[in-house]
Amino acid sequence: MPSETLTITDNRTGKQYEVPIEHGTIRAIDLRKIRTDEEDFGLMTY
């Protein structure tokens, strides 16, 4: 069975992030770890 994750590539930095998928959804707070640098707040959703 495949891993229950979503892999996201940030084209701004080239970094890849793996976000868990639970019950067909991802948590918005998991997107906060996607940043351009340490001072960046991270991605947000609306």
N, C-alpha and C. Protein backbone atom coordinates (compact mmCIF):
# COMPACT_ATOMS: atom_id res chain seq x y z
N MET A 1 0.85 -1.19 0.00
CA MET A 1 0.00 0.00 0.00
C MET A 1 0.89 1.25 0.00
N PRO A 2 0.56 2.24 -0.83
CA PRO A 2 1.37 3.46 -0.87
C PRO A 2 1.28 4.24 0.44
N SER A 3 2.30 5.05 0.67
CA SER A 3 2.34 5.89 1.87
C SER A 3 1.21 6.91 1.82
N GLU A 4 0.62 7.19 2.96
CA GLU A 4 -0.48 8.16 3.05
C GLU A 4 0.10 9.55 3.29
N THR A 5 0.84 10.05 2.30
CA THR A 5 1.44 11.38 2.40
C THR A 5 1.30 12.11 1.07
N LEU A 6 1.46 13.42 1.14
CA LEU A 6 1.49 14.28 -0.03
C LEU A 6 2.88 14.90 -0.08
N THR A 7 3.58 14.77 -1.19
CA THR A 7 4.89 15.38 -1.34
C THR A 7 4.72 16.69 -2.10
N ILE A 8 5.23 17.77 -1.51
CA ILE A 8 5.12 19.11 -2.08
C ILE A 8 6.52 19.61 -2.40
N THR A 9 6.73 20.09 -3.63
CA THR A 9 7.99 20.71 -4.00
C THR A 9 7.78 22.21 -4.08
N ASP A 10 8.55 22.96 -3.30
CA ASP A 10 8.49 24.42 -3.32
C ASP A 10 9.42 24.90 -4.42
N ASN A 11 8.86 25.40 -5.50
CA ASN A 11 9.66 25.85 -6.64
C ASN A 11 10.49 27.09 -6.33
N ARG A 12 10.17 27.79 -5.24
CA ARG A 12 10.97 28.96 -4.86
C ARG A 12 12.32 28.54 -4.31
N THR A 13 12.36 27.42 -3.60
CA THR A 13 13.58 26.98 -2.92
C THR A 13 14.11 25.65 -3.43
N GLY A 14 13.27 24.88 -4.12
CA GLY A 14 13.65 23.54 -4.55
C GLY A 14 13.51 22.48 -3.48
N LYS A 15 13.08 22.87 -2.29
CA LYS A 15 12.93 21.92 -1.18
C LYS A 15 11.64 21.12 -1.34
N GLN A 16 11.69 19.88 -0.84
CA GLN A 16 10.51 19.03 -0.85
C GLN A 16 10.03 18.81 0.58
N TYR A 17 8.72 18.74 0.73
CA TYR A 17 8.09 18.53 2.03
C TYR A 17 7.11 17.38 1.91
N GLU A 18 7.00 16.59 2.96
CA GLU A 18 6.07 15.47 2.98
C GLU A 18 5.03 15.75 4.06
N VAL A 19 3.77 15.80 3.64
CA VAL A 19 2.65 16.14 4.53
C VAL A 19 1.76 14.91 4.68
N PRO A 20 1.42 14.53 5.90
CA PRO A 20 0.56 13.36 6.08
C PRO A 20 -0.86 13.61 5.60
N ILE A 21 -1.47 12.58 5.03
CA ILE A 21 -2.87 12.61 4.61
C ILE A 21 -3.65 11.74 5.58
N GLU A 22 -4.66 12.32 6.21
CA GLU A 22 -5.51 11.58 7.14
C GLU A 22 -6.96 11.75 6.72
N HIS A 23 -7.64 10.65 6.48
CA HIS A 23 -9.05 10.66 6.07
C HIS A 23 -9.26 11.52 4.82
N GLY A 24 -8.29 11.47 3.90
CA GLY A 24 -8.42 12.20 2.64
C GLY A 24 -8.15 13.69 2.74
N THR A 25 -7.58 14.15 3.87
CA THR A 25 -7.31 15.58 4.03
C THR A 25 -5.90 15.81 4.56
N ILE A 26 -5.40 17.03 4.37
CA ILE A 26 -4.16 17.45 5.02
C ILE A 26 -4.50 18.57 5.99
N ARG A 27 -3.67 18.73 7.00
CA ARG A 27 -3.90 19.79 7.99
C ARG A 27 -3.25 21.09 7.49
N ALA A 28 -3.99 22.17 7.57
CA ALA A 28 -3.47 23.47 7.11
C ALA A 28 -2.21 23.85 7.88
N ILE A 29 -2.14 23.51 9.16
CA ILE A 29 -0.98 23.87 9.98
C ILE A 29 0.29 23.20 9.46
N ASP A 30 0.16 22.06 8.77
CA ASP A 30 1.33 21.39 8.21
C ASP A 30 1.98 22.21 7.10
N LEU A 31 1.23 23.12 6.48
CA LEU A 31 1.79 23.96 5.42
C LEU A 31 2.69 25.06 5.98
N ARG A 32 2.58 25.34 7.26
CA ARG A 32 3.39 26.39 7.88
C ARG A 32 4.87 26.06 7.86
N LYS A 33 5.22 24.78 7.75
CA LYS A 33 6.65 24.42 7.72
C LYS A 33 7.29 24.73 6.37
N ILE A 34 6.48 25.13 5.38
CA ILE A 34 7.00 25.48 4.05
C ILE A 34 7.35 26.96 4.07
N ARG A 35 8.65 27.24 4.11
CA ARG A 35 9.15 28.62 4.24
C ARG A 35 10.30 28.86 3.27
N THR A 36 10.53 30.13 2.96
CA THR A 36 11.68 30.47 2.12
C THR A 36 12.94 30.65 2.96
N ASP A 37 12.77 31.05 4.23
CA ASP A 37 13.89 31.16 5.17
C ASP A 37 13.34 31.12 6.59
N GLU A 38 14.22 31.22 7.58
CA GLU A 38 13.82 31.10 8.98
C GLU A 38 12.88 32.22 9.44
N GLU A 39 12.96 33.38 8.80
CA GLU A 39 12.12 34.51 9.20
C GLU A 39 10.74 34.48 8.54
N ASP A 40 10.57 33.65 7.52
CA ASP A 40 9.29 33.52 6.82
C ASP A 40 8.27 32.88 7.74
N PHE A 41 7.04 33.37 7.73
CA PHE A 41 5.96 32.84 8.58
C PHE A 41 5.51 31.46 8.13
N GLY A 42 5.65 31.16 6.86
CA GLY A 42 5.20 29.88 6.31
C GLY A 42 3.93 30.07 5.50
N LEU A 43 3.58 29.06 4.73
CA LEU A 43 2.39 29.16 3.88
C LEU A 43 1.11 29.16 4.71
N MET A 44 0.11 29.83 4.19
CA MET A 44 -1.20 29.86 4.82
C MET A 44 -2.25 29.50 3.78
N THR A 45 -3.41 29.06 4.24
CA THR A 45 -4.53 28.75 3.35
C THR A 45 -5.71 29.64 3.69
N TYR A 46 -6.64 29.74 2.77
CA TYR A 46 -7.87 30.49 3.05
C TYR A 46 -9.05 29.80 2.43
